[in-house]
Protein backbone atom coordinates (compact mmCIF):
# COMPACT_ATOMS: atom_id res chain seq x y z
CA MET A 1 29.11 -17.60 15.33
CA SER A 2 25.42 -16.90 16.27
CA LYS A 3 22.89 -16.60 13.39
CA LYS A 4 21.33 -13.26 12.59
CA HIS A 5 18.07 -14.68 10.76
CA LEU A 6 16.51 -18.09 10.65
CA THR A 7 16.19 -19.61 7.38
CA LEU A 8 13.57 -21.94 5.90
CA ASN A 9 15.72 -24.98 6.83
CA ASP A 10 15.80 -23.74 10.32
CA ARG A 11 12.08 -23.49 10.62
CA ILE A 12 11.87 -26.92 9.20
CA VAL A 13 13.92 -28.34 11.88
CA ILE A 14 11.80 -26.42 14.42
CA GLN A 15 8.64 -27.89 12.84
CA ALA A 16 10.07 -31.38 13.02
CA GLY A 17 11.37 -30.96 16.56
CA LEU A 18 7.94 -29.83 17.77
CA GLN A 19 6.31 -32.88 16.14
CA GLN A 20 8.96 -35.14 17.79
CA CYS A 21 8.04 -33.40 21.19
CA LEU A 22 11.70 -32.37 21.56
CA SER A 23 12.34 -29.49 24.04
CA LEU A 24 13.03 -26.15 23.01
CA ALA A 25 16.57 -26.25 24.32
CA LYS A 26 17.35 -29.47 22.21
CA ILE A 27 15.93 -27.73 19.04
CA ALA A 28 18.03 -24.61 19.82
CA GLU A 29 21.08 -26.98 19.93
CA ARG A 30 20.38 -28.45 16.65
CA ILE A 31 20.06 -25.28 15.03
CA GLY A 32 22.74 -23.34 16.93
CA VAL A 33 20.73 -20.47 18.32
CA SER A 34 19.61 -19.78 21.96
CA ARG A 35 16.45 -21.40 23.49
CA SER A 36 14.81 -17.78 23.73
CA THR A 37 15.19 -17.46 19.92
CA ILE A 38 13.32 -20.58 19.38
CA SER A 39 10.85 -19.52 21.99
CA ARG A 40 10.31 -16.18 20.13
CA GLU A 41 10.06 -17.65 16.86
CA ILE A 42 7.36 -20.12 17.78
CA LYS A 43 5.23 -17.44 19.57
CA ALA A 44 5.41 -14.99 16.59
CA ARG A 45 4.82 -17.49 13.93
CA ARG A 46 2.21 -19.89 15.22
CA LYS A 47 -1.26 -19.80 14.02
CA LEU A 48 -4.77 -20.73 15.14
CA VAL A 49 -6.47 -23.29 12.68
CA LYS A 50 -9.94 -24.56 12.62
CA THR A 51 -11.03 -27.96 13.59
CA SER A 52 -14.09 -30.08 12.44
CA ASN A 53 -14.31 -32.17 15.43
CA GLY A 54 -17.45 -30.98 17.06
CA ASN A 55 -18.49 -28.46 19.65
CA SER A 56 -16.00 -26.02 20.85
CA CYS A 57 -18.22 -24.04 23.35
CA VAL A 58 -17.32 -23.77 27.02
CA HIS A 59 -20.86 -24.87 27.77
CA HIS A 60 -20.80 -28.07 25.46
CA ASP A 61 -20.88 -30.63 28.56
CA ARG A 62 -23.54 -28.88 30.31
CA CYS A 63 -25.75 -27.36 27.78
CA THR A 64 -29.54 -26.93 28.70
CA ARG A 65 -30.72 -25.68 25.13
CA VAL A 66 -30.20 -29.24 23.52
CA PRO A 67 -34.14 -29.88 23.42
CA ASP A 68 -34.79 -26.52 21.82
CA CYS A 69 -31.88 -27.00 19.47
CA ARG A 70 -33.32 -30.24 18.15
CA LYS A 71 -36.47 -28.30 16.82
CA THR A 72 -34.56 -25.81 14.68
CA CYS A 73 -31.46 -28.02 13.98
CA ILE A 74 -29.52 -26.63 11.15
CA ARG A 75 -28.23 -30.18 10.38
CA ARG A 76 -31.69 -31.70 10.55
CA LYS A 77 -30.62 -34.12 13.39
CA ARG A 78 -33.88 -33.92 15.17
CA GLN A 79 -32.95 -36.95 17.49
CA CYS A 80 -29.56 -35.54 18.75
CA GLN A 81 -28.98 -35.90 22.32
CA THR A 82 -26.27 -33.57 22.85
CA ALA A 83 -24.64 -30.24 21.88
CA CYS A 84 -23.13 -30.53 18.46
CA GLY A 85 -20.72 -28.40 16.15
CA GLY A 86 -23.62 -26.74 14.84
CA CYS A 87 -23.82 -24.77 18.00
CA ASN A 88 -20.57 -22.89 16.73
CA GLU A 89 -22.69 -21.40 13.96
CA SER A 90 -26.28 -20.83 15.19
CA CYS A 91 -26.32 -20.74 18.96
CA THR A 92 -26.70 -17.17 20.54
CA GLU A 93 -25.03 -18.35 23.56
CA TYR A 94 -22.06 -19.84 22.07
CA GLN A 95 -18.78 -18.94 23.59
CA GLU A 96 -15.55 -20.46 22.14
CA GLU A 97 -13.30 -22.31 24.46
CA PHE A 98 -9.51 -22.07 23.90
CA CYS A 99 -6.85 -24.48 25.12
CA SER A 100 -4.78 -23.34 27.98
CA GLU A 101 -1.73 -25.37 26.92
CA HIS A 102 -0.97 -22.91 24.31
CA GLU A 103 0.49 -20.56 26.84
CA ARG A 104 3.07 -23.11 28.09
CA THR A 105 6.06 -24.58 26.22
CA PRO A 106 6.22 -25.65 23.54
CA TYR A 107 3.29 -23.28 22.83
CA THR A 108 1.83 -25.25 19.98
CA CYS A 109 -0.25 -28.42 19.32
CA ASN A 110 2.24 -29.84 16.74
CA GLY A 111 3.30 -32.77 19.06
CA CYS A 112 0.22 -33.34 21.02
CA ASP A 113 -1.12 -36.79 20.96
CA LYS A 114 -4.89 -35.62 21.32
CA ARG A 115 -4.56 -33.02 18.47
CA LEU A 116 -6.46 -35.00 15.94
CA LYS A 117 -9.60 -35.81 18.28
CA CYS A 118 -9.32 -32.35 20.02
CA ARG A 119 -12.62 -30.23 19.53
CA LEU A 120 -10.86 -26.96 20.10
CA ARG A 121 -9.02 -24.76 17.52
CA ARG A 122 -5.30 -25.82 17.27
CA MET A 123 -2.24 -23.74 17.56
CA ILE A 124 0.17 -25.00 14.89
CA TYR A 125 3.67 -24.04 13.75
CA ASP A 126 4.26 -24.48 10.04
CA ALA A 127 7.68 -23.91 8.62
CA GLN A 128 6.39 -22.67 5.20
CA THR A 129 3.97 -20.21 6.55
CA ALA A 130 6.45 -19.05 9.12
CA GLN A 131 9.13 -18.39 6.29
CA GLU A 132 6.50 -16.36 4.39
CA GLN A 133 5.41 -14.30 7.35
CA TYR A 134 9.01 -13.59 7.87
CA GLU A 135 9.82 -12.52 4.36
CA ASP A 136 6.86 -10.30 4.57
CA LEU A 137 8.08 -8.72 7.75
CA LEU A 138 11.59 -8.14 6.34
CA SER A 139 10.23 -6.56 3.10
CA GLU A 140 8.05 -4.12 5.06
CA SER A 141 10.71 -3.17 7.56
CA ARG A 142 12.94 -2.23 4.48
CA LYS A 143 10.45 0.17 3.01
CA GLY A 144 9.97 3.74 4.08
CA ILE A 145 12.44 6.38 5.31
CA SER A 146 14.60 6.51 8.40
CA LEU A 147 12.98 9.71 9.94
CA THR A 148 10.08 9.88 12.11
CA GLU A 149 7.34 12.18 11.20
CA GLU A 150 8.35 14.80 13.95
CA GLU A 151 12.06 14.73 12.49
CA LEU A 152 10.73 15.28 9.02
CA THR A 153 8.56 18.31 10.12
CA ALA A 154 11.44 19.66 11.53
CA LEU A 155 13.71 19.24 8.48
CA ASN A 156 11.13 20.65 6.19
CA ALA A 157 11.06 23.87 8.57
CA PHE A 158 14.90 24.13 8.25
CA VAL A 159 15.46 23.26 4.72
CA THR A 160 12.40 24.62 2.70
CA PRO A 161 12.96 28.34 3.48
CA LYS A 162 16.54 28.00 2.46
CA ILE A 163 15.64 26.30 -0.79
CA LYS A 164 13.02 28.88 -1.46
CA ALA A 165 15.61 31.56 -0.88
CA GLY A 166 17.47 30.35 -3.91
CA LEU A 167 20.21 28.09 -2.15
CA SER A 168 21.10 24.77 -3.81
CA ILE A 169 20.47 21.54 -2.00
CA PRO A 170 24.22 20.58 -2.10
CA MET A 171 25.31 23.99 -0.76
CA ILE A 172 22.68 23.53 2.03
CA CYS A 173 23.78 20.03 3.19
CA ASN A 174 27.51 21.01 3.12
CA THR A 175 27.15 24.27 4.97
CA PHE A 176 24.75 22.85 7.53
CA ARG A 177 25.86 19.24 7.85
CA ASP A 178 25.50 18.98 11.44
CA GLN A 179 21.89 20.08 11.44
CA ILE A 180 20.64 18.00 8.43
CA PRO A 181 20.35 14.14 9.13
CA VAL A 182 20.22 12.91 5.43
CA SER A 183 22.37 13.32 2.48
CA ASP A 184 21.74 15.65 -0.51
CA THR A 185 20.81 12.68 -2.54
CA THR A 186 18.11 11.77 -0.11
CA LEU A 187 16.99 15.35 0.22
CA TYR A 188 16.34 15.63 -3.47
CA SER A 189 14.25 12.42 -3.26
CA TYR A 190 12.15 14.00 -0.52
CA VAL A 191 11.53 16.94 -2.57
CA GLU A 192 10.74 14.77 -5.60
CA SER A 193 8.19 12.72 -3.77
CA GLY A 194 6.25 15.67 -1.80
CA LEU A 195 7.62 15.04 1.52
CA LEU A 196 8.77 18.77 1.79
CA GLU A 197 7.02 21.98 1.12
CA ALA A 198 9.66 22.89 -1.39
CA LYS A 199 8.84 21.81 -5.08
CA ASN A 200 10.88 21.04 -8.06
CA LEU A 201 10.18 24.26 -9.23
CA ASP A 202 12.17 25.85 -6.36
CA LEU A 203 15.25 24.18 -7.55
CA ARG A 204 16.80 26.06 -10.52
CA ARG A 205 18.89 23.25 -12.10
CA LYS A 206 16.29 20.63 -11.34
CA VAL A 207 13.76 22.53 -13.63
CA SER A 208 15.79 22.08 -16.69
CA ARG A 209 16.61 18.40 -16.30
CA PRO A 210 14.23 15.81 -17.97
CA LYS A 211 11.76 14.46 -15.35
CA ARG A 212 12.08 10.90 -14.40
CA GLU A 213 9.48 8.91 -13.11
CA LYS A 214 10.14 7.65 -9.34
CA SER A 215 8.26 6.02 -6.70
CA GLY A 216 10.12 8.04 -4.00
CA PRO A 217 10.66 7.31 -0.45
CA VAL A 218 7.77 6.47 1.81
CA LEU A 219 7.37 7.86 5.48
CA ARG A 220 5.87 5.16 7.92
CA VAL A 221 5.19 5.93 11.38
CA ASP A 222 5.32 2.26 12.21
CA ARG A 223 7.33 0.05 9.93
CA LYS A 224 5.66 -3.21 11.47
CA CYS A 225 2.09 -1.70 11.36
CA HIS A 226 1.05 -4.51 8.99
CA VAL A 227 1.96 -7.42 11.51
CA GLY A 228 -1.14 -8.97 12.76
CA ARG A 229 -3.44 -6.59 10.37
CA THR A 230 -2.79 -8.35 6.88
CA TYR A 231 -5.73 -9.36 4.52
CA ASN A 232 -5.70 -12.89 5.96
CA ASP A 233 -5.60 -11.69 9.44
CA TYR A 234 -8.82 -9.66 8.34
CA LYS A 235 -10.66 -12.76 6.88
CA THR A 236 -9.90 -14.81 10.00
CA TYR A 237 -11.26 -12.08 12.33
CA MET A 238 -14.49 -11.48 10.31
CA GLU A 239 -14.86 -15.35 10.31
CA GLY A 240 -15.00 -15.07 14.14
CA ASN A 241 -17.01 -11.77 14.17
CA PRO A 242 -19.35 -11.74 11.06
CA ASP A 243 -21.44 -9.35 12.71
CA GLN A 244 -18.86 -6.68 12.86
CA THR A 245 -19.49 -3.42 10.55
CA VAL A 246 -16.90 -2.97 8.01
CA SER A 247 -15.59 0.29 6.59
CA GLN A 248 -13.20 0.83 3.88
CA MET A 249 -10.56 3.64 3.76
CA ASP A 250 -8.56 5.31 1.06
CA SER A 251 -7.02 8.55 -0.12
CA VAL A 252 -7.89 10.56 -3.45
CA ILE A 253 -5.15 12.64 -4.50
CA ILE A 254 -6.04 16.22 -5.69
CA HIS A 255 -2.67 17.47 -6.25
CA LYS A 256 0.53 15.48 -5.75
CA GLY A 257 2.29 16.67 -2.64
CA GLY A 258 -0.70 18.86 -1.93
CA GLN A 259 -4.48 18.65 -0.92
CA VAL A 260 -5.87 15.20 -0.49
CA ILE A 261 -9.18 13.52 0.46
CA LEU A 262 -9.47 11.01 3.00
CA THR A 263 -12.48 8.71 2.24
CA VAL A 264 -14.28 6.12 4.52
CA LEU A 265 -17.00 4.03 3.18
CA PHE A 266 -19.51 2.06 5.17
CA THR A 267 -20.13 -1.26 3.49
CA ASN A 268 -23.70 -1.57 5.07
CA CYS A 269 -25.15 1.51 3.15
CA ASP A 270 -22.29 2.52 0.60
CA LEU A 271 -22.25 6.04 2.35
CA GLN A 272 -18.79 7.52 2.10
CA LEU A 273 -17.51 10.18 4.44
CA MET A 274 -15.01 12.81 2.80
CA PHE A 275 -12.34 14.86 4.65
CA LEU A 276 -10.12 17.55 3.21
CA ARG A 277 -6.22 17.39 4.28
CA GLU A 278 -3.75 19.53 3.15
CA ARG A 279 -0.98 16.95 3.02
CA ASN A 280 -0.94 13.27 2.75
CA THR A 281 0.57 12.24 6.13
CA ALA A 282 -0.28 9.75 8.78
CA ALA A 283 -0.66 12.64 11.07
CA SER A 284 -3.38 14.21 8.91
CA VAL A 285 -5.17 10.82 9.03
CA SER A 286 -4.83 10.61 12.78
CA ALA A 287 -6.15 14.32 13.16
CA VAL A 288 -9.38 13.30 11.30
CA PHE A 289 -10.24 10.25 13.42
CA ASP A 290 -9.16 12.16 16.66
CA ASP A 291 -11.89 14.82 15.56
CA LEU A 292 -14.40 12.03 14.84
CA ARG A 293 -13.87 10.58 18.26
CA LYS A 294 -14.49 13.92 19.84
CA ARG A 295 -17.45 14.84 17.76
CA LEU A 296 -19.16 11.45 18.07
CA GLY A 297 -18.15 10.23 21.54
CA ASP A 298 -16.65 6.83 22.30
CA GLU A 299 -19.81 4.92 22.40
CA ASP A 300 -21.01 5.95 18.62
CA TYR A 301 -17.50 5.86 17.57
CA ARG A 302 -17.11 2.39 18.58
CA ARG A 303 -20.52 1.59 17.10
CA MET A 304 -19.62 3.15 13.59
CA PHE A 305 -15.98 2.24 13.26
CA GLN A 306 -15.87 -1.49 14.29
CA VAL A 307 -13.62 -2.63 11.56
CA ILE A 308 -11.52 -0.62 8.88
CA LEU A 309 -10.00 -2.08 5.92
CA THR A 310 -7.45 0.19 4.04
CA ASP A 311 -4.51 0.05 1.61
CA ARG A 312 -0.78 -0.01 2.63
CA GLY A 313 -0.21 3.86 1.85
CA SER A 314 2.20 5.63 4.28
CA GLU A 315 -0.51 7.88 5.38
CA PHE A 316 -2.29 4.74 7.23
CA SER A 317 0.90 3.53 8.85
CA ASP A 318 -0.06 4.70 12.33
CA PRO A 319 -3.28 2.45 13.28
CA LEU A 320 -2.97 2.56 17.04
CA LYS A 321 -4.16 6.54 16.66
CA ILE A 322 -7.35 5.08 14.97
CA GLU A 323 -7.90 2.02 17.15
CA ALA A 324 -7.21 3.10 20.58
CA MET A 325 -8.07 6.00 22.95
CA GLN A 326 -5.12 7.80 23.48
CA GLU A 327 -6.01 8.39 27.20
CA ASN A 328 -6.08 4.86 28.30
CA GLY A 329 -5.11 2.66 25.42
CA GLU A 330 -8.41 1.00 25.16
CA ASN A 331 -9.29 -0.41 21.66
CA LEU A 332 -12.40 0.96 20.10
CA CYS A 333 -11.95 -0.59 16.55
CA ARG A 334 -9.52 -2.78 14.48
CA VAL A 335 -7.60 -1.81 11.53
CA PHE A 336 -6.48 -4.24 8.74
CA TYR A 337 -4.54 -3.71 5.44
CA CYS A 338 -5.10 -5.13 1.92
CA ASP A 339 -2.51 -7.33 0.17
CA PRO A 340 0.10 -5.18 -1.90
CA GLN A 341 -1.20 -4.19 -5.09
CA ASN A 342 -4.67 -5.44 -4.38
CA SER A 343 -7.16 -2.52 -4.21
CA ASN A 344 -9.82 -4.67 -5.33
CA GLN A 345 -10.11 -6.08 -1.97
CA LYS A 346 -11.83 -2.81 -0.86
CA SER A 347 -13.52 -2.43 -4.19
CA ASN A 348 -16.71 -0.89 -2.89
CA CYS A 349 -14.51 2.35 -1.81
CA GLU A 350 -12.68 2.41 -5.04
CA ARG A 351 -15.87 2.27 -7.27
CA ASN A 352 -17.30 5.08 -5.16
CA HIS A 353 -14.45 7.13 -6.05
CA GLU A 354 -15.57 7.37 -9.62
CA PHE A 355 -18.17 9.86 -8.18
CA ILE A 356 -15.48 12.13 -6.98
CA ARG A 357 -13.68 12.12 -10.33
CA TYR A 358 -16.93 13.14 -11.82
CA ILE A 359 -16.63 16.43 -9.82
CA ILE A 360 -12.75 16.66 -9.45
CA PRO A 361 -11.18 15.10 -12.50
CA LYS A 362 -7.75 13.66 -12.05
CA ASN A 363 -4.99 16.22 -12.43
CA LYS A 364 -7.65 18.89 -13.55
CA GLY A 365 -8.88 20.00 -10.26
CA LYS A 366 -8.89 23.74 -9.10
CA ASP A 367 -5.54 24.97 -7.34
CA VAL A 368 -7.31 25.14 -3.85
CA TYR A 369 -10.49 23.51 -2.37
CA THR A 370 -12.06 24.27 0.93
CA GLY A 371 -13.47 21.86 3.55
CA ASP A 372 -17.00 23.34 2.79
CA GLU A 373 -16.55 22.35 -0.94
CA ILE A 374 -15.54 18.67 -0.21
CA GLN A 375 -18.59 18.33 2.17
CA THR A 376 -20.90 19.86 -0.55
CA MET A 377 -19.46 17.17 -2.93
CA MET A 378 -20.16 14.44 -0.21
CA ASN A 379 -23.44 15.37 0.20
CA HIS A 380 -24.26 15.43 -3.27
CA ILE A 381 -22.60 12.05 -3.96
CA ASN A 382 -24.36 10.32 -0.71
CA SER A 383 -27.67 11.73 -2.07
CA TYR A 384 -27.51 10.00 -5.33
CA PRO A 385 -29.94 7.24 -5.46
CA ARG A 386 -28.34 3.56 -5.95
CA LYS A 387 -29.88 0.84 -8.05
CA LYS A 388 -28.11 -1.62 -5.56
CA TRP A 389 -30.18 -0.34 -2.78
CA ASN A 390 -33.37 -0.37 -4.68
CA GLY A 391 -33.45 3.19 -5.43
CA GLN A 392 -32.58 4.46 -2.02
CA ALA A 393 -29.78 6.96 -1.41
CA PRO A 394 -26.84 6.07 0.91
CA ILE A 395 -27.57 8.85 3.40
CA ASP A 396 -31.21 7.48 3.63
CA LEU A 397 -29.82 4.19 4.56
CA PHE A 398 -27.06 5.66 6.84
CA GLN A 399 -29.64 7.66 8.81
CA GLN A 400 -31.98 4.55 9.18
CA ILE A 401 -28.85 2.62 10.76
CA TYR A 402 -27.19 5.30 12.91
CA GLY A 403 -29.85 7.87 13.64
CA GLU A 404 -30.49 11.47 12.78
CA GLU A 405 -28.13 12.81 15.37
CA VAL A 406 -25.15 11.20 14.21
CA THR A 407 -25.91 11.91 10.66
CA ALA A 408 -26.15 15.58 11.64
CA LEU A 409 -22.76 15.50 13.69
CA LEU A 410 -21.04 14.29 10.51
CA GLY A 411 -22.51 17.24 8.28
CA LEU A 412 -24.47 14.96 6.31
CA LYS A 413 -27.44 16.59 4.54
CA LYS A 414 -29.85 15.15 2.02
CA ILE A 415 -29.66 16.91 -1.40
CA PRO A 416 -33.11 16.62 -3.23
CA SER A 417 -32.81 14.43 -6.42
CA GLU A 418 -33.58 17.38 -8.70
CA SER A 419 -30.78 19.31 -7.49
CA ILE A 420 -28.05 16.78 -7.50
CA GLN A 421 -25.02 17.83 -9.53
CA LEU A 422 -22.05 15.48 -10.27
CA THR A 423 -19.85 17.38 -12.64
CA PRO A 424 -16.97 20.06 -11.93
CA ALA A 425 -19.55 22.81 -12.10
CA LEU A 426 -20.78 21.85 -8.57
CA LEU A 427 -17.50 23.52 -7.06
CA LYS A 428 -16.90 26.29 -9.63
């Protein structure tokens, strides 16, 4: 009987087999699975780890900058005769070399007899780490709902008018069973969580029942969107690309199931862009970034949005629409996700939301806001001087970094300090 999932014990056998230099076929025989299963497991769960064994630059054996390096050596070794590991940190011409053996079986360095002396980063398979990655992936894949966003839109268009016409959900499901892909219980939960335009007030018997707190289902475009984009992946990426600009992205709910603000904060100046969306869906987030790409052009878009860190909200579950050009699939930026329940990992963005709540108090906002009103609020908040930046406003710093043209394209305008208003009166 073939195995459906590998266990921790299976992964320990894999790790031990790699360290003993066994063939993948032999490891597969010990576990009772196919060789291709072992191959896929190793490729999916292996990880790059750092080494402290010296210089990993492709030019290490023919470096011509050693004499100059001695003069400014960060390790104070003025008599050094060769390129050292310090080049990895300080040399402007440093280019990391990778081991080509990783692309051939067994795809890791676990059993390599040169591993302990190798100067290159090592590819290692660790059973415990692999099991944790598998459990995270399994947990993520079981979250969300089974419909795509297009299917949910079609369901909403079909069901909502009937609910608002006074028909009950059980009656709709029984009468139109061949046209509705979910049960009446699921349909109730979709209404409860705001995934449909129909509200609880449209359900006569639902209004009279005591309200129960539910987390509700979540609509994810890509259930595996977090794979390769976790917070640990983010830290690893930033270690290798410390010069990349980081933006933090989040949503501020105005009304549950209704209007919501998408915020994007640039950590290099604390300026926060704000975009009004009518519904909190992945499609509405994608539409914002599609509009930004058209307004800014690919070059400025790539310059501004190099790395984006966000939470695991369902509205951010289609990262490819943010990262890549739809015409040719070329990547313009990278999207990463905070750990579950760890919004403090994007604390700059969270703290800046305090200004929004000064103007739109939680659960006390107007029934409807316009895009112009949200832009007005954005400009007042970004014009507010910050002690952190020696009394400069984020909009001033942003303009210095990205220029006047980009500032104007984003609708950013400086509000004089004496005219700044950070109360609900601003939008009344």
